[in-house]
Amino acid sequence: MTQPIPTRTSRPPASNLGEHVRRTLGIAVPVMFARMGILLLVTVDTAMTGRAGVDELAWYALAMAPQIPMMLFGIGMLMGTLVLCAQAIGGAREADSGRIWRVSLVHALVLGLIFAVTCTAGEAILLLARQAPELARGGGGVLAMFALGLPPMLMHAATSFFLEASGRTTPGMLVMLLANLLNVALNWVFIYGNLGASAMGAEGAALATTLVRWFMFAALAGYALLALDRRRFGMTGPIPAVRALSRRLRRFGYPMGLAHALESAAFASMTLFAGLLGSSQVAGFQVAFNLVAMVFMCAIGIAAAASIRVANAVGRGDITGVRVAGWVAAALAGLLLACIGLVMGSMPEGFARLYSDDPAVLAVAAPCILLAAVAVVPDGLQGVLMGALRGAGDVWPATALYCIAFWGVMVPAGYLLGVVLGGGAPGLVVAMFLGTLCASVLLGLRFRRMCRRLAS
């Protein structure tokens, strides 16, 4: 899936290790904060919903379980936007990047509408997942409220990929900052019923998030149209060979969408397993899982940098640059995540109290957070290594390895440790560690093999 080696480049390769680190961090830090901002929306929703009651928090958690796989599958389907735009810009073909973005927006809209219709059947979906009728009814209402926010979420992702590939990572970070401030205000209104609004609990949190997602897309697309040279970046005019371009996007999208879906559905299964154990278990597990996901956003920033820098190196035919960019990103991620894990493990109950004061929830959440402090390292590493493979266009083998790690190891281990053996939510976190460790090892071996094959 890599492109032919071009005859000219828009930026020379890094000349030493220090420059590799600087370039990786220059991309990763703003992307990291932008991705963390997306999850911070969920974190704030979780914390503010938890203050409305244990049942409201459980409904919100169950609504997120089917929504996240759909959303991440859509983002995976659009991931070719980042890779193809970065390869085009690395090969000094900037006009191609804007055409790729425009085609990607259409794909995002169609996928978002399909997912929105699916969300309206939320209660039936949760009943099929063997949730109790009262949990399915509450979670289904929240999921239906999320529906109209999925199209703008995916169009925002496509726009973010386009801007990040062009080196403009700061606007996404600033938009996410404003979006989170707006989300807090809207949650205060709709969750608790302030300023004359009805108190909607978890459904109010979903409504606030939906409104915020429309703001995010409008703000970032507006920046792209106003700040970039539209002719240079191919943002106007006809798109030559649009069908061929769509096929190229989908060739990346199918395996990456499947990989995202496999991973997110496996993690969603952990939440559903917790739902089989009762409201306190699922609420406590959601607290720990939300913290793991927040830390993972740090890794996602570095993974995006790995994808962009590896794709740039592919675009200019720099095989050494492919190898060094990938391993530097993995080393930075391991160091950062180990430090974060130490902080999490040092005060698990303090982190748990950020979400809930309910004694039953705290009794489950604190040991889960302690275990999650260890799991964040392999979880982040597998994301970065997948990013490096994605930048090189090596996606189908990596998707197969995801299937082995998450569905061959994590999901069976989660059901065994958490449900059958009675380990509860902490047993589910142990299963997450085993699955992500397996994924890290397999993807690391795959990246090493791919680099050797390119060098030969």
Protein backbone atom coordinates (compact mmCIF):
# COMPACT_ATOMS: atom_id res chain seq x y z
CA MET A 1 0.00 0.00 0.00
CA THR A 2 3.02 2.31 0.01
CA GLN A 3 3.35 4.83 -2.78
CA PRO A 4 6.08 4.93 -5.44
CA ILE A 5 9.24 6.73 -4.35
CA PRO A 6 8.96 10.38 -5.48
CA THR A 7 11.73 12.40 -7.05
CA ARG A 8 11.55 15.36 -4.63
CA THR A 9 10.67 15.93 -0.98
CA SER A 10 9.09 18.77 0.98
CA ARG A 11 11.33 18.29 4.05
CA PRO A 12 14.72 16.59 4.42
CA PRO A 13 15.04 13.58 6.73
CA ALA A 14 16.19 13.99 10.34
CA SER A 15 19.99 13.95 10.55
CA ASN A 16 20.43 12.56 14.11
CA LEU A 17 18.60 10.92 17.00
CA GLY A 18 17.95 14.20 18.78
CA GLU A 19 16.21 15.61 15.74
CA HIS A 20 14.10 12.46 15.43
CA VAL A 21 12.98 12.94 19.05
CA ARG A 22 12.24 16.65 18.52
CA ARG A 23 10.21 16.04 15.37
CA THR A 24 8.27 13.21 17.00
CA LEU A 25 7.42 15.30 20.07
CA GLY A 26 6.63 18.33 17.90
CA ILE A 27 3.82 16.35 16.29
CA ALA A 28 2.90 14.21 19.28
CA VAL A 29 2.39 16.82 22.01
CA PRO A 30 -0.40 18.90 20.41
CA VAL A 31 -2.01 15.78 18.94
CA MET A 32 -1.80 14.18 22.37
CA PHE A 33 -3.67 17.06 23.98
CA ALA A 34 -6.21 17.11 21.17
CA ARG A 35 -6.88 13.37 21.55
CA MET A 36 -6.97 13.69 25.32
CA GLY A 37 -9.53 16.42 24.84
CA ILE A 38 -11.80 13.98 23.03
CA LEU A 39 -11.62 11.55 25.92
CA LEU A 40 -11.82 14.37 28.46
CA LEU A 41 -15.32 14.95 27.15
CA VAL A 42 -16.14 11.38 28.22
CA THR A 43 -14.25 11.79 31.51
CA VAL A 44 -16.17 14.92 32.43
CA ASP A 45 -19.43 13.30 31.38
CA THR A 46 -18.59 10.25 33.52
CA ALA A 47 -17.65 12.31 36.58
CA MET A 48 -20.62 14.69 36.33
CA THR A 49 -23.06 11.86 35.58
CA GLY A 50 -21.72 9.91 38.56
CA ARG A 51 -22.84 12.78 40.81
CA ALA A 52 -26.37 12.23 39.52
CA GLY A 53 -26.48 8.63 40.84
CA VAL A 54 -25.05 5.14 40.43
CA ASP A 55 -27.80 4.09 38.01
CA GLU A 56 -27.18 7.13 35.80
CA LEU A 57 -23.46 6.30 35.69
CA ALA A 58 -24.20 2.67 34.82
CA TRP A 59 -26.56 3.74 32.01
CA TYR A 60 -23.92 6.09 30.62
CA ALA A 61 -21.24 3.36 30.76
CA LEU A 62 -23.45 0.84 28.95
CA ALA A 63 -24.35 3.40 26.27
CA MET A 64 -20.67 4.01 25.63
CA ALA A 65 -19.98 0.27 25.19
CA PRO A 66 -21.65 -0.11 21.74
CA GLN A 67 -21.04 3.50 20.69
CA ILE A 68 -17.26 3.44 21.06
CA PRO A 69 -16.72 0.45 18.70
CA MET A 70 -18.88 2.15 16.07
CA MET A 71 -17.07 5.46 16.47
CA LEU A 72 -13.61 3.88 16.42
CA PHE A 73 -14.49 1.68 13.45
CA GLY A 74 -15.46 4.88 11.61
CA ILE A 75 -12.25 6.61 12.64
CA GLY A 76 -10.28 3.57 11.49
CA MET A 77 -12.06 3.69 8.13
CA LEU A 78 -10.89 7.31 7.82
CA MET A 79 -7.32 6.63 8.95
CA GLY A 80 -6.17 6.46 5.35
CA THR A 81 -6.69 10.24 5.31
CA LEU A 82 -3.75 10.70 7.67
CA VAL A 83 -1.48 8.20 5.93
CA LEU A 84 -2.21 9.21 2.32
CA CYS A 85 -2.05 12.94 3.11
CA ALA A 86 1.26 12.48 4.94
CA GLN A 87 2.70 10.43 2.06
CA ALA A 88 1.54 13.06 -0.43
CA ILE A 89 3.03 15.93 1.58
CA GLY A 90 6.24 13.97 2.19
CA GLY A 91 6.51 13.63 -1.59
CA ALA A 92 5.76 17.37 -2.20
CA ARG A 93 2.29 16.67 -3.63
CA GLU A 94 0.30 18.98 -1.34
CA ALA A 95 -2.62 19.40 -3.77
CA ASP A 96 -3.42 15.71 -3.43
CA SER A 97 -3.90 16.08 0.34
CA GLY A 98 -6.89 18.44 0.07
CA ARG A 99 -8.57 16.18 -2.46
CA ILE A 100 -8.09 13.24 -0.12
CA TRP A 101 -9.67 15.28 2.70
CA ARG A 102 -12.74 16.15 0.66
CA VAL A 103 -13.33 12.54 -0.33
CA SER A 104 -12.80 11.52 3.30
CA LEU A 105 -15.48 13.97 4.48
CA VAL A 106 -18.07 12.26 2.29
CA HIS A 107 -17.10 8.87 3.70
CA ALA A 108 -17.33 10.28 7.24
CA LEU A 109 -20.82 11.66 6.68
CA VAL A 110 -22.16 8.41 5.24
CA LEU A 111 -20.65 6.29 8.01
CA GLY A 112 -21.91 8.70 10.68
CA LEU A 113 -25.47 8.52 9.40
CA ILE A 114 -25.38 4.71 9.35
CA PHE A 115 -24.15 4.63 12.95
CA ALA A 116 -26.73 7.22 14.01
CA VAL A 117 -29.56 5.01 12.76
CA THR A 118 -28.02 2.03 14.58
CA CYS A 119 -27.91 3.96 17.86
CA THR A 120 -31.67 4.48 17.80
CA ALA A 121 -32.01 0.73 18.51
CA GLY A 122 -29.88 1.05 21.64
CA GLU A 123 -32.21 -0.76 24.03
CA ALA A 124 -32.52 -3.76 21.72
CA ILE A 125 -28.74 -3.89 21.30
CA LEU A 126 -28.18 -3.95 25.06
CA LEU A 127 -30.86 -6.59 25.57
CA LEU A 128 -29.08 -8.77 23.02
CA ALA A 129 -25.94 -8.29 25.12
CA ARG A 130 -27.83 -9.91 28.04
CA GLN A 131 -28.13 -6.73 30.09
CA ALA A 132 -30.91 -6.47 32.69
CA PRO A 133 -34.08 -4.83 31.26
CA GLU A 134 -33.81 -1.75 33.50
CA LEU A 135 -30.15 -1.24 32.54
CA ALA A 136 -30.91 -1.79 28.85
CA ARG A 137 -33.78 0.69 28.96
CA GLY A 138 -31.72 3.42 30.60
CA GLY A 139 -28.60 2.79 28.51
CA GLY A 140 -30.67 2.62 25.31
CA GLY A 141 -32.10 6.07 25.92
CA VAL A 142 -28.61 7.50 26.41
CA LEU A 143 -27.34 5.76 23.27
CA ALA A 144 -30.20 7.20 21.20
CA MET A 145 -29.26 10.68 22.44
CA PHE A 146 -25.70 10.15 21.17
CA ALA A 147 -26.93 9.33 17.64
CA LEU A 148 -26.87 12.76 15.99
CA GLY A 149 -23.37 13.44 17.30
CA LEU A 150 -21.70 10.63 15.36
CA PRO A 151 -21.64 12.27 11.87
CA PRO A 152 -19.88 15.45 13.08
CA MET A 153 -17.51 13.37 15.24
CA LEU A 154 -16.29 11.44 12.19
CA MET A 155 -16.09 14.55 9.99
CA HIS A 156 -14.06 16.23 12.72
CA ALA A 157 -11.71 13.22 12.74
CA ALA A 158 -11.21 13.42 8.96
CA THR A 159 -10.42 17.13 9.21
CA SER A 160 -8.00 16.54 12.10
CA PHE A 161 -6.11 13.92 10.09
CA PHE A 162 -5.79 16.30 7.13
CA LEU A 163 -4.46 19.15 9.27
CA GLU A 164 -2.11 16.93 11.26
CA ALA A 165 -0.62 15.45 8.10
CA SER A 166 0.10 18.99 6.90
CA GLY A 167 1.91 19.78 10.16
CA ARG A 168 -0.89 21.93 11.63
CA THR A 169 -1.52 20.21 14.94
CA THR A 170 -2.14 23.21 17.23
CA PRO A 171 -5.62 24.18 15.91
CA GLY A 172 -7.05 20.78 16.85
CA MET A 173 -5.69 21.19 20.36
CA LEU A 174 -7.23 24.66 20.75
CA VAL A 175 -10.60 23.54 19.39
CA MET A 176 -10.64 20.67 21.89
CA LEU A 177 -9.90 23.09 24.74
CA LEU A 178 -12.89 25.24 23.80
CA ALA A 179 -15.03 22.13 23.27
CA ASN A 180 -14.33 20.87 26.78
CA LEU A 181 -15.20 24.21 28.35
CA LEU A 182 -18.45 24.22 26.40
CA ASN A 183 -19.15 20.62 27.44
CA VAL A 184 -18.83 21.41 31.16
CA ALA A 185 -21.30 24.28 30.81
CA LEU A 186 -23.81 22.23 28.83
CA ASN A 187 -23.51 19.29 31.24
CA TRP A 188 -24.28 21.63 34.14
CA VAL A 189 -27.42 22.69 32.33
CA PHE A 190 -28.72 19.36 31.01
CA ILE A 191 -27.54 16.79 33.59
CA TYR A 192 -28.68 18.69 36.66
CA GLY A 193 -31.47 20.81 35.17
CA ASN A 194 -30.09 24.34 35.57
CA LEU A 195 -31.17 27.56 33.81
CA GLY A 196 -34.72 26.24 33.51
CA ALA A 197 -33.81 23.00 31.72
CA SER A 198 -35.11 19.62 32.86
CA ALA A 199 -32.72 17.40 34.83
CA MET A 200 -31.88 14.68 32.28
CA GLY A 201 -29.05 12.82 34.03
CA ALA A 202 -27.06 10.57 31.69
CA GLU A 203 -29.21 11.55 28.69
CA GLY A 204 -28.34 15.19 29.39
CA ALA A 205 -24.63 14.33 29.24
CA ALA A 206 -25.17 12.65 25.87
CA LEU A 207 -27.11 15.65 24.56
CA ALA A 208 -24.34 18.02 25.64
CA THR A 209 -21.70 15.86 23.93
CA THR A 210 -23.71 15.76 20.71
CA LEU A 211 -23.94 19.57 20.58
CA VAL A 212 -20.23 19.89 21.34
CA ARG A 213 -19.30 17.50 18.51
CA TRP A 214 -21.05 19.73 15.99
CA PHE A 215 -19.09 22.70 17.35
CA MET A 216 -15.81 20.77 17.02
CA PHE A 217 -16.34 19.94 13.35
CA ALA A 218 -17.56 23.42 12.42
CA ALA A 219 -14.62 25.12 14.15
CA LEU A 220 -11.90 22.89 12.70
CA ALA A 221 -13.31 22.82 9.17
CA GLY A 222 -13.70 26.60 9.31
CA TYR A 223 -10.04 26.95 10.25
CA ALA A 224 -8.94 24.68 7.39
CA LEU A 225 -10.93 26.66 4.83
CA LEU A 226 -9.81 30.07 6.10
CA ALA A 227 -6.16 29.48 7.04
CA LEU A 228 -4.83 27.21 4.28
CA ASP A 229 -4.02 28.08 0.68
CA ARG A 230 -6.96 26.37 -1.00
CA ARG A 231 -5.34 26.06 -4.40
CA ARG A 232 -2.02 24.76 -3.09
CA PHE A 233 -3.73 22.12 -0.95
CA GLY A 234 -6.34 21.11 -3.52
CA MET A 235 -9.28 22.19 -1.39
CA THR A 236 -11.34 23.52 -4.29
CA GLY A 237 -12.09 22.48 -7.84
CA PRO A 238 -12.78 19.08 -9.35
CA ILE A 239 -11.18 15.92 -7.98
CA PRO A 240 -9.47 13.86 -10.70
CA ALA A 241 -10.10 10.11 -10.55
CA VAL A 242 -12.34 10.43 -7.50
CA ARG A 243 -13.36 6.77 -7.62
CA ALA A 244 -9.75 5.63 -7.63
CA LEU A 245 -9.01 7.93 -4.71
CA SER A 246 -12.00 6.56 -2.81
CA ARG A 247 -10.74 3.03 -3.39
CA ARG A 248 -7.30 3.97 -2.05
CA LEU A 249 -8.90 5.39 1.10
CA ARG A 250 -10.97 2.28 1.59
CA ARG A 251 -7.98 -0.01 1.03
CA PHE A 252 -6.48 1.57 4.12
CA GLY A 253 -9.85 1.97 5.79
CA TYR A 254 -11.06 -1.63 5.72
CA PRO A 255 -8.18 -3.16 7.71
CA MET A 256 -7.80 -0.14 10.01
CA GLY A 257 -11.55 0.07 10.62
CA LEU A 258 -11.58 -3.64 11.37
CA ALA A 259 -8.56 -3.29 13.68
CA HIS A 260 -10.21 -0.43 15.59
CA ALA A 261 -13.47 -2.37 15.77
CA LEU A 262 -11.74 -5.53 17.02
CA GLU A 263 -9.89 -3.61 19.70
CA SER A 264 -12.75 -1.41 20.85
CA ALA A 265 -15.32 -4.22 20.74
CA ALA A 266 -12.99 -6.36 22.87
CA PHE A 267 -12.72 -3.57 25.45
CA ALA A 268 -16.47 -2.99 25.22
CA SER A 269 -16.90 -6.68 26.03
CA MET A 270 -15.10 -6.03 29.31
CA THR A 271 -17.70 -3.39 30.16
CA LEU A 272 -20.52 -5.75 29.23
CA PHE A 273 -18.97 -8.48 31.39
CA ALA A 274 -18.91 -5.97 34.25
CA GLY A 275 -22.56 -5.25 33.54
CA LEU A 276 -23.34 -8.91 34.25
CA LEU A 277 -21.97 -8.39 37.77
CA GLY A 278 -24.20 -5.44 38.80
CA SER A 279 -24.33 -1.66 38.82
CA SER A 280 -21.50 -1.13 41.31
CA GLN A 281 -19.15 -3.39 39.39
CA VAL A 282 -19.82 -1.75 36.04
CA ALA A 283 -19.58 1.74 37.56
CA GLY A 284 -16.28 0.93 39.31
CA PHE A 285 -14.86 -0.69 36.20
CA GLN A 286 -15.90 2.33 34.12
CA VAL A 287 -13.89 4.61 36.42
CA ALA A 288 -10.69 2.58 35.94
CA PHE A 289 -11.33 2.05 32.24
CA ASN A 290 -11.84 5.76 31.71
CA LEU A 291 -8.48 6.49 33.33
CA VAL A 292 -6.78 3.86 31.13
CA ALA A 293 -8.41 5.38 28.08
CA MET A 294 -7.26 8.87 29.10
CA VAL A 295 -3.67 7.66 29.44
CA PHE A 296 -4.02 5.90 26.09
CA MET A 297 -4.66 9.29 24.50
CA CYS A 298 -1.06 10.19 25.36
CA ALA A 299 0.02 7.12 23.41
CA ILE A 300 -2.34 8.03 20.58
CA GLY A 301 -0.55 11.35 20.17
CA ILE A 302 2.78 9.54 19.82
CA ALA A 303 1.13 6.94 17.55
CA ALA A 304 -0.08 9.75 15.27
CA ALA A 305 3.45 11.14 15.17
CA ALA A 306 4.77 7.66 14.33
CA SER A 307 2.23 7.30 11.51
CA ILE A 308 2.98 10.73 10.05
CA ARG A 309 6.78 10.46 10.29
CA VAL A 310 6.87 6.89 8.95
CA ALA A 311 4.52 7.87 6.11
CA ASN A 312 6.67 10.94 5.32
CA ALA A 313 9.71 8.66 5.15
CA VAL A 314 7.84 6.28 2.84
CA GLY A 315 6.83 9.23 0.67
CA ARG A 316 10.46 10.28 0.18
CA GLY A 317 11.85 6.73 -0.02
CA ASP A 318 13.85 6.93 3.25
CA ILE A 319 13.95 3.36 4.56
CA THR A 320 16.26 4.20 7.49
CA GLY A 321 13.86 6.98 8.46
CA VAL A 322 11.00 4.46 8.59
CA ARG A 323 12.83 2.28 11.09
CA VAL A 324 14.16 5.04 13.34
CA ALA A 325 10.88 7.00 13.41
CA GLY A 326 8.97 3.91 14.57
CA TRP A 327 11.36 2.82 17.31
CA VAL A 328 11.93 6.34 18.64
CA ALA A 329 8.17 6.77 19.01
CA ALA A 330 7.87 3.41 20.84
CA ALA A 331 10.71 4.31 23.24
CA LEU A 332 9.19 7.71 24.05
CA ALA A 333 5.79 6.11 24.68
CA GLY A 334 7.22 3.47 27.02
CA LEU A 335 9.04 6.06 29.11
CA LEU A 336 6.06 8.41 29.37
CA LEU A 337 3.53 5.68 30.19
CA ALA A 338 5.73 4.15 32.87
CA CYS A 339 5.87 7.53 34.63
CA ILE A 340 2.09 7.95 34.40
CA GLY A 341 1.56 4.42 35.70
CA LEU A 342 3.65 5.18 38.77
CA VAL A 343 1.47 8.20 39.55
CA MET A 344 -1.75 6.19 39.11
CA GLY A 345 -0.51 3.37 41.30
CA SER A 346 0.55 5.70 44.10
CA MET A 347 -2.98 7.01 44.84
CA PRO A 348 -5.70 4.77 43.38
CA GLU A 349 -8.40 5.81 45.83
CA GLY A 350 -7.71 9.49 45.18
CA PHE A 351 -8.29 9.00 41.48
CA ALA A 352 -11.43 6.98 42.18
CA ARG A 353 -12.90 9.81 44.29
CA LEU A 354 -12.70 12.12 41.27
CA TYR A 355 -15.58 10.13 39.82
CA SER A 356 -17.73 9.02 42.75
CA ASP A 357 -18.12 9.14 46.54
CA ASP A 358 -20.30 6.03 46.64
CA PRO A 359 -18.60 3.46 48.95
CA ALA A 360 -19.63 0.51 46.77
CA VAL A 361 -18.17 2.12 43.65
CA LEU A 362 -14.94 3.12 45.45
CA ALA A 363 -14.47 -0.42 46.75
CA VAL A 364 -14.41 -1.68 43.15
CA ALA A 365 -12.66 1.25 41.45
CA ALA A 366 -9.58 1.58 43.71
CA PRO A 367 -8.16 -1.96 43.17
CA CYS A 368 -9.01 -1.68 39.46
CA ILE A 369 -7.00 1.54 39.19
CA LEU A 370 -4.04 -0.08 40.99
CA LEU A 371 -4.00 -2.89 38.42
CA ALA A 372 -4.60 -0.47 35.55
CA ALA A 373 -1.43 1.42 36.52
CA VAL A 374 0.52 -1.59 35.21
CA ALA A 375 -1.69 -2.17 32.16
CA VAL A 376 -1.24 1.33 30.72
CA VAL A 377 2.31 0.61 29.51
CA PRO A 378 1.62 -2.32 27.12
CA ASP A 379 -1.69 -0.72 26.15
CA GLY A 380 0.07 2.41 24.93
CA LEU A 381 2.95 0.54 23.30
CA GLN A 382 0.64 -1.55 21.13
CA GLY A 383 -1.09 1.64 19.94
CA VAL A 384 2.21 3.28 18.96
CA LEU A 385 3.50 0.19 17.16
CA MET A 386 0.22 -0.06 15.27
CA GLY A 387 0.67 3.60 14.29
CA ALA A 388 4.13 2.91 12.91
CA LEU A 389 2.87 -0.05 10.88
CA ARG A 390 -0.06 2.01 9.66
CA GLY A 391 2.26 4.76 8.39
CA ALA A 392 4.13 2.18 6.32
CA GLY A 393 0.89 0.78 4.89
CA ASP A 394 1.39 -2.59 6.60
CA VAL A 395 -2.14 -2.92 7.97
CA TRP A 396 -3.72 -6.30 7.20
CA PRO A 397 -1.10 -8.38 9.07
CA ALA A 398 -1.32 -6.01 12.05
CA THR A 399 -5.12 -6.40 12.05
CA ALA A 400 -4.74 -10.18 12.22
CA LEU A 401 -2.41 -9.79 15.20
CA TYR A 402 -5.00 -7.59 16.92
CA CYS A 403 -7.55 -10.36 16.48
CA ILE A 404 -5.21 -12.87 18.13
CA ALA A 405 -4.31 -10.62 21.07
CA PHE A 406 -7.70 -9.17 21.89
CA TRP A 407 -10.14 -11.91 20.90
CA GLY A 408 -7.86 -14.89 21.38
CA VAL A 409 -6.42 -13.73 24.71
CA MET A 410 -8.15 -10.75 26.33
CA VAL A 411 -11.85 -11.53 25.88
CA PRO A 412 -11.67 -15.20 26.96
CA ALA A 413 -9.42 -14.25 29.88
CA GLY A 414 -11.84 -11.49 30.90
CA TYR A 415 -14.83 -13.80 31.02
CA LEU A 416 -12.85 -16.47 32.86
CA LEU A 417 -11.16 -14.20 35.41
CA GLY A 418 -13.97 -11.69 35.91
CA VAL A 419 -17.14 -13.75 35.64
CA VAL A 420 -16.46 -17.50 35.91
CA LEU A 421 -13.79 -17.35 38.65
CA GLY A 422 -15.48 -14.44 40.44
CA GLY A 423 -12.63 -11.93 40.10
CA GLY A 424 -15.10 -9.18 39.28
CA ALA A 425 -13.95 -5.91 37.75
CA PRO A 426 -10.29 -6.34 38.92
CA GLY A 427 -10.18 -9.64 37.05
CA LEU A 428 -11.28 -7.82 33.91
CA VAL A 429 -8.40 -5.34 34.28
CA VAL A 430 -5.92 -8.23 34.57
CA ALA A 431 -7.33 -9.60 31.31
CA MET A 432 -6.80 -6.19 29.69
CA PHE A 433 -3.14 -6.31 30.74
CA LEU A 434 -2.68 -9.79 29.25
CA GLY A 435 -4.30 -8.83 25.95
CA THR A 436 -2.37 -5.59 25.47
CA LEU A 437 0.92 -7.24 26.44
CA CYS A 438 0.33 -9.89 23.79
CA ALA A 439 -0.51 -7.21 21.21
CA SER A 440 2.65 -5.21 22.04
CA VAL A 441 4.92 -8.22 21.57
CA LEU A 442 3.30 -9.35 18.32
CA LEU A 443 3.22 -5.86 16.76
CA GLY A 444 6.81 -5.16 17.80
CA LEU A 445 7.97 -8.34 16.10
CA ARG A 446 5.97 -7.44 13.01
CA PHE A 447 7.48 -3.95 12.77
CA ARG A 448 11.00 -5.35 13.11
CA ARG A 449 10.31 -7.89 10.36
CA MET A 450 8.82 -5.22 8.08
CA CYS A 451 11.88 -2.97 8.53
CA ARG A 452 14.23 -5.83 7.70
CA ARG A 453 12.22 -6.64 4.60
CA LEU A 454 12.33 -3.02 3.43
CA ALA A 455 16.08 -2.84 4.06
CA SER A 456 16.69 -5.99 2.03
